[in-house]
Amino acid sequence: MPLALPKQVVLGGPSISLAEIGRHEGTLVALALDNGSGIFKRIGLALPGNLSHLRQFESIGGLGSSEVLSIGKAQSGVPEVQHVRRIIGVIYNG
């Protein structure tokens, strides 16, 4: 996995299927998005009702911000998650 912060390397664990993501609320994950970017977040709650394909992903630590992302169904103007991998640790390099 790439550097999370300067001098940190994130250790990636097993993949989490998009269908099973709700069972992993609170888990730290690396997300690959449809726009080609990768981010590190904590899995939050799904939005209610007909927006349940949208899910909150919370910032890790004091850096970054929370984001609402689409899971398994496109939503105009909302990045879509393509792949999820559990974060199992961080190595401090230096």
PDB file of N, CA and C in Angstrom:
ATOM      1  N   MET A   1       0.844  -1.181   0.000  1.00  0.00           N
ATOM      2  CA  MET A   1       0.000   0.000   0.000  1.00  0.00           C
ATOM      3  C   MET A   1       0.889   1.244   0.000  1.00  0.00           C
ATOM      4  N   PRO A   2       0.400   2.322  -0.533  1.00  0.00           N
ATOM      5  CA  PRO A   2       1.201   3.547  -0.585  1.00  0.00           C
ATOM      6  C   PRO A   2       1.336   4.210   0.784  1.00  0.00           C
ATOM      7  N   LEU A   3       2.121   5.267   0.808  1.00  0.00           N
ATOM      8  CA  LEU A   3       2.288   6.019   2.049  1.00  0.00           C
ATOM      9  C   LEU A   3       0.970   6.645   2.479  1.00  0.00           C
ATOM     10  N   ALA A   4       0.646   6.525   3.751  1.00  0.00           N
ATOM     11  CA  ALA A   4      -0.556   7.149   4.299  1.00  0.00           C
ATOM     12  C   ALA A   4      -0.256   8.590   4.671  1.00  0.00           C
ATOM     13  N   LEU A   5       0.816   8.783   5.382  1.00  0.00           N
ATOM     14  CA  LEU A   5       1.349  10.087   5.771  1.00  0.00           C
ATOM     15  C   LEU A   5       2.847   9.986   5.550  1.00  0.00           C
ATOM     16  N   PRO A   6       3.550  11.090   5.537  1.00  0.00           N
ATOM     17  CA  PRO A   6       5.000  10.982   5.386  1.00  0.00           C
ATOM     18  C   PRO A   6       5.588  10.000   6.403  1.00  0.00           C
ATOM     19  N   LYS A   7       6.433   9.117   5.923  1.00  0.00           N
ATOM     20  CA  LYS A   7       7.129   8.110   6.735  1.00  0.00           C
ATOM     21  C   LYS A   7       6.220   6.994   7.243  1.00  0.00           C
ATOM     22  N   GLN A   8       5.040   6.819   6.671  1.00  0.00           N
ATOM     23  CA  GLN A   8       4.146   5.724   7.047  1.00  0.00           C
ATOM     24  C   GLN A   8       3.824   4.880   5.824  1.00  0.00           C
ATOM     25  N   VAL A   9       3.779   3.568   6.024  1.00  0.00           N
ATOM     26  CA  VAL A   9       3.333   2.633   4.998  1.00  0.00           C
ATOM     27  C   VAL A   9       2.184   1.834   5.595  1.00  0.00           C
ATOM     28  N   VAL A  10       1.065   1.782   4.889  1.00  0.00           N
ATOM     29  CA  VAL A  10      -0.111   1.054   5.362  1.00  0.00           C
ATOM     30  C   VAL A  10      -0.022  -0.394   4.903  1.00  0.00           C
ATOM     31  N   LEU A  11      -0.305  -1.329   5.818  1.00  0.00           N
ATOM     32  CA  LEU A  11      -0.327  -2.750   5.490  1.00  0.00           C
ATOM     33  C   LEU A  11      -1.756  -3.160   5.168  1.00  0.00           C
ATOM     34  N   GLY A  12      -1.961  -3.632   3.946  1.00  0.00           N
ATOM     35  CA  GLY A  12      -3.289  -4.043   3.514  1.00  0.00           C
ATOM     36  C   GLY A  12      -3.562  -5.493   3.854  1.00  0.00           C
ATOM     37  N   GLY A  13      -4.760  -5.760   4.304  1.00  0.00           N
ATOM     38  CA  GLY A  13      -5.197  -7.108   4.636  1.00  0.00           C
ATOM     39  C   GLY A  13      -6.124  -7.644   3.560  1.00  0.00           C
ATOM     40  N   PRO A  14      -7.071  -8.472   3.954  1.00  0.00           N
ATOM     41  CA  PRO A  14      -7.975  -9.089   2.987  1.00  0.00           C
ATOM     42  C   PRO A  14      -8.935  -8.080   2.359  1.00  0.00           C
ATOM     43  N   SER A  15      -9.377  -8.425   1.152  1.00  0.00           N
ATOM     44  CA  SER A  15     -10.404  -7.623   0.480  1.00  0.00           C
ATOM     45  C   SER A  15     -11.736  -7.811   1.189  1.00  0.00           C
ATOM     46  N   ILE A  16     -12.571  -6.797   1.105  1.00  0.00           N
ATOM     47  CA  ILE A  16     -13.941  -6.854   1.614  1.00  0.00           C
ATOM     48  C   ILE A  16     -14.849  -6.664   0.409  1.00  0.00           C
ATOM     49  N   SER A  17     -15.755  -7.613   0.170  1.00  0.00           N
ATOM     50  CA  SER A  17     -16.654  -7.477  -0.976  1.00  0.00           C
ATOM     51  C   SER A  17     -17.628  -6.324  -0.736  1.00  0.00           C
ATOM     52  N   LEU A  18     -18.032  -5.687  -1.813  1.00  0.00           N
ATOM     53  CA  LEU A  18     -18.969  -4.570  -1.692  1.00  0.00           C
ATOM     54  C   LEU A  18     -20.287  -5.020  -1.067  1.00  0.00           C
ATOM     55  N   ALA A  19     -20.697  -6.256  -1.333  1.00  0.00           N
ATOM     56  CA  ALA A  19     -21.945  -6.778  -0.770  1.00  0.00           C
ATOM     57  C   ALA A  19     -21.855  -6.984   0.744  1.00  0.00           C
ATOM     58  N   GLU A  20     -20.649  -7.155   1.275  1.00  0.00           N
ATOM     59  CA  GLU A  20     -20.444  -7.433   2.698  1.00  0.00           C
ATOM     60  C   GLU A  20     -19.994  -6.209   3.494  1.00  0.00           C
ATOM     61  N   ILE A  21     -19.906  -5.062   2.861  1.00  0.00           N
ATOM     62  CA  ILE A  21     -19.316  -3.893   3.516  1.00  0.00           C
ATOM     63  C   ILE A  21     -20.075  -3.476   4.781  1.00  0.00           C
ATOM     64  N   GLY A  22     -21.382  -3.678   4.815  1.00  0.00           N
ATOM     65  CA  GLY A  22     -22.180  -3.318   5.983  1.00  0.00           C
ATOM     66  C   GLY A  22     -21.815  -4.100   7.233  1.00  0.00           C
ATOM     67  N   ARG A  23     -21.223  -5.253   7.073  1.00  0.00           N
ATOM     68  CA  ARG A  23     -20.808  -6.081   8.212  1.00  0.00           C
ATOM     69  C   ARG A  23     -19.484  -5.615   8.813  1.00  0.00           C
ATOM     70  N   HIS A  24     -18.883  -4.602   8.206  1.00  0.00           N
ATOM     71  CA  HIS A  24     -17.554  -4.157   8.626  1.00  0.00           C
ATOM     72  C   HIS A  24     -17.544  -2.707   9.101  1.00  0.00           C
ATOM     73  N   GLU A  25     -18.691  -2.207   9.568  1.00  0.00           N
ATOM     74  CA  GLU A  25     -18.738  -0.823  10.068  1.00  0.00           C
ATOM     75  C   GLU A  25     -17.696  -0.626  11.160  1.00  0.00           C
ATOM     76  N   GLY A  26     -17.004   0.495  11.095  1.00  0.00           N
ATOM     77  CA  GLY A  26     -15.964   0.806  12.062  1.00  0.00           C
ATOM     78  C   GLY A  26     -14.582   0.319  11.666  1.00  0.00           C
ATOM     79  N   THR A  27     -14.500  -0.477  10.611  1.00  0.00           N
ATOM     80  CA  THR A  27     -13.221  -1.028  10.156  1.00  0.00           C
ATOM     81  C   THR A  27     -12.451   0.010   9.350  1.00  0.00           C
ATOM     82  N   LEU A  28     -11.128   0.059   9.553  1.00  0.00           N
ATOM     83  CA  LEU A  28     -10.267   0.919   8.746  1.00  0.00           C
ATOM     84  C   LEU A  28      -9.995   0.231   7.418  1.00  0.00           C
ATOM     85  N   VAL A  29     -10.180   0.979   6.316  1.00  0.00           N
ATOM     86  CA  VAL A  29     -10.043   0.387   4.989  1.00  0.00           C
ATOM     87  C   VAL A  29      -9.329   1.323   4.020  1.00  0.00           C
ATOM     88  N   ALA A  30      -8.762   0.703   2.993  1.00  0.00           N
ATOM     89  CA  ALA A  30      -8.255   1.423   1.829  1.00  0.00           C
ATOM     90  C   ALA A  30      -9.296   1.239   0.733  1.00  0.00           C
ATOM     91  N   LEU A  31      -9.696   2.332   0.108  1.00  0.00           N
ATOM     92  CA  LEU A  31     -10.744   2.307  -0.912  1.00  0.00           C
ATOM     93  C   LEU A  31     -10.176   2.725  -2.258  1.00  0.00           C
ATOM     94  N   ALA A  32     -10.506   1.971  -3.308  1.00  0.00           N
ATOM     95  CA  ALA A  32     -10.198   2.371  -4.676  1.00  0.00           C
ATOM     96  C   ALA A  32     -11.494   2.901  -5.278  1.00  0.00           C
ATOM     97  N   LEU A  33     -11.449   4.118  -5.823  1.00  0.00           N
ATOM     98  CA  LEU A  33     -12.647   4.766  -6.359  1.00  0.00           C
ATOM     99  C   LEU A  33     -12.648   4.756  -7.880  1.00  0.00           C
ATOM    100  N   ASP A  34     -13.833   4.967  -8.459  1.00  0.00           N
ATOM    101  CA  ASP A  34     -13.987   4.936  -9.911  1.00  0.00           C
ATOM    102  C   ASP A  34     -13.238   6.049 -10.630  1.00  0.00           C
ATOM    103  N   ASN A  35     -12.820   7.075  -9.925  1.00  0.00           N
ATOM    104  CA  ASN A  35     -12.063   8.166 -10.548  1.00  0.00           C
ATOM    105  C   ASN A  35     -10.556   7.898 -10.531  1.00  0.00           C
ATOM    106  N   GLY A  36     -10.160   6.700 -10.089  1.00  0.00           N
ATOM    107  CA  GLY A  36      -8.757   6.310 -10.069  1.00  0.00           C
ATOM    108  C   GLY A  36      -8.019   6.648  -8.794  1.00  0.00           C
ATOM    109  N   SER A  37      -8.674   7.317  -7.861  1.00  0.00           N
ATOM    110  CA  SER A  37      -8.005   7.688  -6.613  1.00  0.00           C
ATOM    111  C   SER A  37      -8.143   6.578  -5.575  1.00  0.00           C
ATOM    112  N   GLY A  38      -7.286   6.640  -4.572  1.00  0.00           N
ATOM    113  CA  GLY A  38      -7.338   5.724  -3.446  1.00  0.00           C
ATOM    114  C   GLY A  38      -7.333   6.528  -2.161  1.00  0.00           C
ATOM    115  N   ILE A  39      -8.160   6.138  -1.204  1.00  0.00           N
ATOM    116  CA  ILE A  39      -8.245   6.868   0.059  1.00  0.00           C
ATOM    117  C   ILE A  39      -8.304   5.880   1.218  1.00  0.00           C
ATOM    118  N   PHE A  40      -7.971   6.375   2.411  1.00  0.00           N
ATOM    119  CA  PHE A  40      -8.030   5.585   3.636  1.00  0.00           C
ATOM    120  C   PHE A  40      -9.130   6.164   4.513  1.00  0.00           C
ATOM    121  N   LYS A  41     -10.082   5.321   4.926  1.00  0.00           N
ATOM    122  CA  LYS A  41     -11.222   5.786   5.722  1.00  0.00           C
ATOM    123  C   LYS A  41     -11.665   4.701   6.690  1.00  0.00           C
ATOM    124  N   ARG A  42     -12.592   5.059   7.572  1.00  0.00           N
ATOM    125  CA  ARG A  42     -13.278   4.124   8.463  1.00  0.00           C
ATOM    126  C   ARG A  42     -14.691   3.965   7.916  1.00  0.00           C
ATOM    127  N   ILE A  43     -15.165   2.721   7.795  1.00  0.00           N
ATOM    128  CA  ILE A  43     -16.502   2.467   7.256  1.00  0.00           C
ATOM    129  C   ILE A  43     -17.550   2.963   8.242  1.00  0.00           C
ATOM    130  N   GLY A  44     -18.434   3.829   7.757  1.00  0.00           N
ATOM    131  CA  GLY A  44     -19.517   4.363   8.568  1.00  0.00           C
ATOM    132  C   GLY A  44     -20.858   3.781   8.156  1.00  0.00           C
ATOM    133  N   LEU A  45     -21.907   4.464   8.537  1.00  0.00           N
ATOM    134  CA  LEU A  45     -23.274   3.998   8.300  1.00  0.00           C
ATOM    135  C   LEU A  45     -23.747   4.282   6.883  1.00  0.00           C
ATOM    136  N   ALA A  46     -24.663   3.436   6.409  1.00  0.00           N
ATOM    137  CA  ALA A  46     -25.345   3.685   5.143  1.00  0.00           C
ATOM    138  C   ALA A  46     -26.431   4.729   5.370  1.00  0.00           C
ATOM    139  N   LEU A  47     -26.732   5.488   4.326  1.00  0.00           N
ATOM    140  CA  LEU A  47     -27.830   6.441   4.407  1.00  0.00           C
ATOM    141  C   LEU A  47     -29.150   5.671   4.396  1.00  0.00           C
ATOM    142  N   PRO A  48     -30.223   6.256   4.917  1.00  0.00           N
ATOM    143  CA  PRO A  48     -31.496   5.530   5.023  1.00  0.00           C
ATOM    144  C   PRO A  48     -32.271   5.463   3.701  1.00  0.00           C
ATOM    145  N   GLY A  49     -33.213   4.529   3.664  1.00  0.00           N
ATOM    146  CA  GLY A  49     -34.193   4.432   2.583  1.00  0.00           C
ATOM    147  C   GLY A  49     -33.604   4.191   1.211  1.00  0.00           C
ATOM    148  N   ASN A  50     -34.137   4.941   0.220  1.00  0.00           N
ATOM    149  CA  ASN A  50     -33.705   4.719  -1.162  1.00  0.00           C
ATOM    150  C   ASN A  50     -32.299   5.254  -1.436  1.00  0.00           C
ATOM    151  N   LEU A  51     -31.640   5.787  -0.421  1.00  0.00           N
ATOM    152  CA  LEU A  51     -30.242   6.224  -0.544  1.00  0.00           C
ATOM    153  C   LEU A  51     -29.289   5.238   0.136  1.00  0.00           C
ATOM    154  N   SER A  52     -29.766   4.026   0.404  1.00  0.00           N
ATOM    155  CA  SER A  52     -28.959   3.053   1.148  1.00  0.00           C
ATOM    156  C   SER A  52     -27.722   2.587   0.389  1.00  0.00           C
ATOM    157  N   HIS A  53     -27.632   2.879  -0.908  1.00  0.00           N
ATOM    158  CA  HIS A  53     -26.418   2.560  -1.671  1.00  0.00           C
ATOM    159  C   HIS A  53     -25.314   3.589  -1.416  1.00  0.00           C
ATOM    160  N   LEU A  54     -25.638   4.646  -0.674  1.00  0.00           N
ATOM    161  CA  LEU A  54     -24.651   5.652  -0.287  1.00  0.00           C
ATOM    162  C   LEU A  54     -24.239   5.384   1.155  1.00  0.00           C
ATOM    163  N   ARG A  55     -22.950   5.525   1.424  1.00  0.00           N
ATOM    164  CA  ARG A  55     -22.433   5.212   2.755  1.00  0.00           C
ATOM    165  C   ARG A  55     -21.432   6.280   3.171  1.00  0.00           C
ATOM    166  N   GLN A  56     -21.476   6.609   4.458  1.00  0.00           N
ATOM    167  CA  GLN A  56     -20.521   7.548   5.045  1.00  0.00           C
ATOM    168  C   GLN A  56     -19.204   6.815   5.284  1.00  0.00           C
ATOM    169  N   PHE A  57     -18.101   7.444   4.906  1.00  0.00           N
ATOM    170  CA  PHE A  57     -16.764   6.948   5.221  1.00  0.00           C
ATOM    171  C   PHE A  57     -16.075   8.040   6.014  1.00  0.00           C
ATOM    172  N   GLU A  58     -15.650   7.707   7.220  1.00  0.00           N
ATOM    173  CA  GLU A  58     -15.157   8.697   8.175  1.00  0.00           C
ATOM    174  C   GLU A  58     -13.649   8.872   8.069  1.00  0.00           C
ATOM    175  N   SER A  59     -13.192  10.080   8.386  1.00  0.00           N
ATOM    176  CA  SER A  59     -11.755  10.352   8.375  1.00  0.00           C
ATOM    177  C   SER A  59     -11.068   9.527   9.457  1.00  0.00           C
ATOM    178  N   ILE A  60      -9.794   9.245   9.232  1.00  0.00           N
ATOM    179  CA  ILE A  60      -8.983   8.510  10.198  1.00  0.00           C
ATOM    180  C   ILE A  60      -8.081   9.519  10.888  1.00  0.00           C
ATOM    181  N   GLY A  61      -8.173   9.601  12.186  1.00  0.00           N
ATOM    182  CA  GLY A  61      -7.363  10.566  12.923  1.00  0.00           C
ATOM    183  C   GLY A  61      -7.870  11.974  12.683  1.00  0.00           C
ATOM    184  N   GLY A  62      -6.995  12.936  12.820  1.00  0.00           N
ATOM    185  CA  GLY A  62      -7.396  14.333  12.681  1.00  0.00           C
ATOM    186  C   GLY A  62      -7.221  14.895  11.290  1.00  0.00           C
ATOM    187  N   LEU A  63      -6.735  14.085  10.354  1.00  0.00           N
ATOM    188  CA  LEU A  63      -6.501  14.582   9.000  1.00  0.00           C
ATOM    189  C   LEU A  63      -7.614  14.142   8.060  1.00  0.00           C
ATOM    190  N   GLY A  64      -7.869  14.953   7.056  1.00  0.00           N
ATOM    191  CA  GLY A  64      -8.871  14.601   6.063  1.00  0.00           C
ATOM    192  C   GLY A  64     -10.274  14.930   6.520  1.00  0.00           C
ATOM    193  N   SER A  65     -11.230  14.456   5.750  1.00  0.00           N
ATOM    194  CA  SER A  65     -12.634  14.710   6.058  1.00  0.00           C
ATOM    195  C   SER A  65     -13.445  13.464   5.742  1.00  0.00           C
ATOM    196  N   SER A  66     -14.636  13.405   6.297  1.00  0.00           N
ATOM    197  CA  SER A  66     -15.545  12.312   5.988  1.00  0.00           C
ATOM    198  C   SER A  66     -16.116  12.517   4.595  1.00  0.00           C
ATOM    199  N   GLU A  67     -16.485  11.407   3.961  1.00  0.00           N
ATOM    200  CA  GLU A  67     -17.043  11.472   2.612  1.00  0.00           C
ATOM    201  C   GLU A  67     -18.216  10.514   2.490  1.00  0.00           C
ATOM    202  N   VAL A  68     -19.177  10.881   1.651  1.00  0.00           N
ATOM    203  CA  VAL A  68     -20.253   9.978   1.278  1.00  0.00           C
ATOM    204  C   VAL A  68     -19.882   9.404  -0.082  1.00  0.00           C
ATOM    205  N   LEU A  69     -19.880   8.065  -0.175  1.00  0.00           N
ATOM    206  CA  LEU A  69     -19.500   7.373  -1.401  1.00  0.00           C
ATOM    207  C   LEU A  69     -20.585   6.385  -1.792  1.00  0.00           C
ATOM    208  N   SER A  70     -20.657   6.077  -3.076  1.00  0.00           N
ATOM    209  CA  SER A  70     -21.639   5.144  -3.605  1.00  0.00           C
ATOM    210  C   SER A  70     -21.077   3.721  -3.607  1.00  0.00           C
ATOM    211  N   ILE A  71     -21.938   2.763  -3.255  1.00  0.00           N
ATOM    212  CA  ILE A  71     -21.555   1.353  -3.221  1.00  0.00           C
ATOM    213  C   ILE A  71     -22.478   0.568  -4.149  1.00  0.00           C
ATOM    214  N   GLY A  72     -21.939   0.066  -5.254  1.00  0.00           N
ATOM    215  CA  GLY A  72     -22.676  -0.844  -6.125  1.00  0.00           C
ATOM    216  C   GLY A  72     -23.759  -0.235  -6.990  1.00  0.00           C
ATOM    217  N   LYS A  73     -23.950   1.068  -6.943  1.00  0.00           N
ATOM    218  CA  LYS A  73     -24.975   1.719  -7.761  1.00  0.00           C
ATOM    219  C   LYS A  73     -24.533   3.159  -7.986  1.00  0.00           C
ATOM    220  N   ALA A  74     -24.437   3.547  -9.247  1.00  0.00           N
ATOM    221  CA  ALA A  74     -23.971   4.900  -9.569  1.00  0.00           C
ATOM    222  C   ALA A  74     -24.939   5.950  -9.039  1.00  0.00           C
ATOM    223  N   GLN A  75     -24.377   7.038  -8.571  1.00  0.00           N
ATOM    224  CA  GLN A  75     -25.148   8.193  -8.097  1.00  0.00           C
ATOM    225  C   GLN A  75     -24.462   9.425  -8.662  1.00  0.00           C
ATOM    226  N   SER A  76     -25.182  10.221  -9.403  1.00  0.00           N
ATOM    227  CA  SER A  76     -24.606  11.398 -10.049  1.00  0.00           C
ATOM    228  C   SER A  76     -23.870  12.286  -9.047  1.00  0.00           C
ATOM    229  N   GLY A  77     -22.624  12.619  -9.385  1.00  0.00           N
ATOM    230  CA  GLY A  77     -21.835  13.521  -8.557  1.00  0.00           C
ATOM    231  C   GLY A  77     -21.198  12.899  -7.324  1.00  0.00           C
ATOM    232  N   VAL A  78     -21.371  11.581  -7.143  1.00  0.00           N
ATOM    233  CA  VAL A  78     -20.823  10.899  -5.968  1.00  0.00           C
ATOM    234  C   VAL A  78     -19.822   9.841  -6.443  1.00  0.00           C
ATOM    235  N   PRO A  79     -18.585   9.881  -5.950  1.00  0.00           N
ATOM    236  CA  PRO A  79     -17.620   8.847  -6.331  1.00  0.00           C
ATOM    237  C   PRO A  79     -18.124   7.456  -5.940  1.00  0.00           C
ATOM    238  N   GLU A  80     -17.810   6.471  -6.781  1.00  0.00           N
ATOM    239  CA  GLU A  80     -18.247   5.098  -6.535  1.00  0.00           C
ATOM    240  C   GLU A  80     -17.061   4.235  -6.112  1.00  0.00           C
ATOM    241  N   VAL A  81     -17.258   3.451  -5.064  1.00  0.00           N
ATOM    242  CA  VAL A  81     -16.227   2.542  -4.570  1.00  0.00           C
ATOM    243  C   VAL A  81     -16.126   1.354  -5.525  1.00  0.00           C
ATOM    244  N   GLN A  82     -14.893   1.033  -5.940  1.00  0.00           N
ATOM    245  CA  GLN A  82     -14.644  -0.104  -6.817  1.00  0.00           C
ATOM    246  C   GLN A  82     -14.070  -1.305  -6.059  1.00  0.00           C
ATOM    247  N   HIS A  83     -13.262  -1.015  -5.031  1.00  0.00           N
ATOM    248  CA  HIS A  83     -12.592  -2.091  -4.291  1.00  0.00           C
ATOM    249  C   HIS A  83     -12.313  -1.625  -2.862  1.00  0.00           C
ATOM    250  N   VAL A  84     -12.409  -2.569  -1.921  1.00  0.00           N
ATOM    251  CA  VAL A  84     -12.175  -2.267  -0.505  1.00  0.00           C
ATOM    252  C   VAL A  84     -11.187  -3.291   0.053  1.00  0.00           C
ATOM    253  N   ARG A  85     -10.197  -2.808   0.775  1.00  0.00           N
ATOM    254  CA  ARG A  85      -9.223  -3.687   1.428  1.00  0.00           C
ATOM    255  C   ARG A  85      -9.046  -3.240   2.873  1.00  0.00           C
ATOM    256  N   ARG A  86      -9.127  -4.183   3.780  1.00  0.00           N
ATOM    257  CA  ARG A  86      -8.962  -3.900   5.206  1.00  0.00           C
ATOM    258  C   ARG A  86      -7.529  -3.455   5.488  1.00  0.00           C
ATOM    259  N   ILE A  87      -7.367  -2.477   6.355  1.00  0.00           N
ATOM    260  CA  ILE A  87      -6.047  -2.048   6.805  1.00  0.00           C
ATOM    261  C   ILE A  87      -5.734  -2.811   8.085  1.00  0.00           C
ATOM    262  N   ILE A  88      -4.599  -3.523   8.085  1.00  0.00           N
ATOM    263  CA  ILE A  88      -4.262  -4.329   9.263  1.00  0.00           C
ATOM    264  C   ILE A  88      -3.133  -3.727  10.093  1.00  0.00           C
ATOM    265  N   GLY A  89      -2.510  -2.675   9.583  1.00  0.00           N
ATOM    266  CA  GLY A  89      -1.450  -2.054  10.365  1.00  0.00           C
ATOM    267  C   GLY A  89      -0.759  -0.941   9.608  1.00  0.00           C
ATOM    268  N   VAL A  90       0.115  -0.248  10.318  1.00  0.00           N
ATOM    269  CA  VAL A  90       0.898   0.840   9.741  1.00  0.00           C
ATOM    270  C   VAL A  90       2.346   0.659  10.187  1.00  0.00           C
ATOM    271  N   ILE A  91       3.271   0.782   9.242  1.00  0.00           N
ATOM    272  CA  ILE A  91       4.698   0.748   9.560  1.00  0.00           C
ATOM    273  C   ILE A  91       5.208   2.175   9.508  1.00  0.00           C
ATOM    274  N   TYR A  92       5.900   2.581  10.548  1.00  0.00           N
ATOM    275  CA  TYR A  92       6.516   3.905  10.591  1.00  0.00           C
ATOM    276  C   TYR A  92       7.941   3.758  10.091  1.00  0.00           C
ATOM    277  N   ASN A  93       8.262   4.425   9.004  1.00  0.00           N
ATOM    278  CA  ASN A  93       9.552   4.304   8.337  1.00  0.00           C
ATOM    279  C   ASN A  93      10.386   5.549   8.598  1.00  0.00           C
ATOM    280  N   GLY A  94      11.224   5.511   9.601  1.00  0.00           N
ATOM    281  CA  GLY A  94      12.089   6.652   9.856  1.00  0.00           C
ATOM    282  C   GLY A  94      11.841   7.197  11.174  1.00  0.00           C
TER     283      GLY A  94
END
